[in-house]
Amino acid sequence: MSRIVGRELIVRDNKRFHHFKDGKCSCGDYW
């Protein structure tokens, strides 16, 4: 499940949420 809010991307991955902003994830990953 993913949702785009403005330029931010929120991805739900089973037990955790990944919050992308300007290509940088809140967990430290890049995409």
N, C-alpha and C. Protein backbone atom coordinates (compact mmCIF):
# COMPACT_ATOMS: atom_id res chain seq x y z
N MET A 1 0.85 -1.19 0.00
CA MET A 1 0.00 0.00 0.00
C MET A 1 0.89 1.25 0.00
N SER A 2 0.62 2.14 -0.88
CA SER A 2 1.39 3.38 -0.93
C SER A 2 0.47 4.55 -1.18
N ARG A 3 0.88 5.70 -0.72
CA ARG A 3 0.04 6.88 -0.85
C ARG A 3 0.94 8.08 -1.06
N ILE A 4 0.59 8.90 -2.01
CA ILE A 4 1.40 10.08 -2.30
C ILE A 4 0.72 11.32 -1.74
N VAL A 5 1.44 12.03 -0.90
CA VAL A 5 0.91 13.26 -0.30
C VAL A 5 1.85 14.40 -0.67
N GLY A 6 1.45 15.20 -1.61
CA GLY A 6 2.32 16.26 -2.08
C GLY A 6 3.55 15.66 -2.74
N ARG A 7 4.72 15.98 -2.23
CA ARG A 7 5.96 15.39 -2.74
C ARG A 7 6.45 14.29 -1.83
N GLU A 8 5.65 13.94 -0.83
CA GLU A 8 6.04 12.91 0.12
C GLU A 8 5.36 11.60 -0.24
N LEU A 9 6.02 10.52 0.05
CA LEU A 9 5.47 9.21 -0.25
C LEU A 9 5.47 8.36 1.02
N ILE A 10 4.31 7.84 1.35
CA ILE A 10 4.20 7.01 2.54
C ILE A 10 3.92 5.58 2.10
N VAL A 11 4.78 4.66 2.50
CA VAL A 11 4.62 3.26 2.11
C VAL A 11 4.46 2.41 3.36
N ARG A 12 3.42 1.59 3.36
CA ARG A 12 3.20 0.71 4.49
C ARG A 12 3.72 -0.68 4.14
N ASP A 13 4.64 -1.18 4.95
CA ASP A 13 5.25 -2.47 4.69
C ASP A 13 5.02 -3.39 5.89
N ASN A 14 3.92 -4.11 5.86
CA ASN A 14 3.56 -5.04 6.93
C ASN A 14 3.57 -4.37 8.30
N LYS A 15 4.68 -4.45 9.01
CA LYS A 15 4.72 -3.96 10.39
C LYS A 15 5.36 -2.59 10.53
N ARG A 16 5.81 -2.00 9.45
CA ARG A 16 6.44 -0.70 9.58
C ARG A 16 6.02 0.24 8.48
N PHE A 17 6.22 1.49 8.72
CA PHE A 17 5.89 2.52 7.74
C PHE A 17 7.17 3.14 7.21
N HIS A 18 7.22 3.31 5.90
CA HIS A 18 8.35 3.98 5.29
C HIS A 18 7.86 5.34 4.81
N HIS A 19 8.53 6.36 5.24
CA HIS A 19 8.12 7.71 4.87
C HIS A 19 9.19 8.33 3.99
N PHE A 20 8.86 8.51 2.71
CA PHE A 20 9.82 9.07 1.76
C PHE A 20 9.57 10.56 1.57
N LYS A 21 10.63 11.32 1.60
CA LYS A 21 10.52 12.75 1.33
C LYS A 21 11.74 13.17 0.53
N ASP A 22 11.51 13.70 -0.68
CA ASP A 22 12.59 14.09 -1.58
C ASP A 22 13.54 12.93 -1.86
N GLY A 23 13.00 11.71 -1.90
CA GLY A 23 13.80 10.54 -2.24
C GLY A 23 14.52 9.91 -1.06
N LYS A 24 14.35 10.46 0.11
CA LYS A 24 15.01 9.89 1.29
C LYS A 24 13.97 9.29 2.23
N CYS A 25 14.22 8.05 2.61
CA CYS A 25 13.27 7.37 3.48
C CYS A 25 13.57 7.69 4.93
N SER A 26 12.54 7.62 5.76
CA SER A 26 12.70 7.92 7.17
C SER A 26 13.58 6.87 7.86
N CYS A 27 13.68 5.68 7.27
CA CYS A 27 14.50 4.62 7.86
C CYS A 27 15.94 4.71 7.35
N GLY A 28 16.23 5.68 6.52
CA GLY A 28 17.60 5.90 6.06
C GLY A 28 17.87 5.36 4.66
N ASP A 29 16.87 4.70 4.05
CA ASP A 29 17.06 4.17 2.70
C ASP A 29 16.84 5.25 1.65
N TYR A 30 17.44 5.03 0.50
CA TYR A 30 17.25 5.95 -0.62
C TYR A 30 16.57 5.22 -1.76
N TRP A 31 15.83 5.93 -2.57
CA TRP A 31 15.16 5.31 -3.73
C TRP A 31 15.31 6.19 -4.94
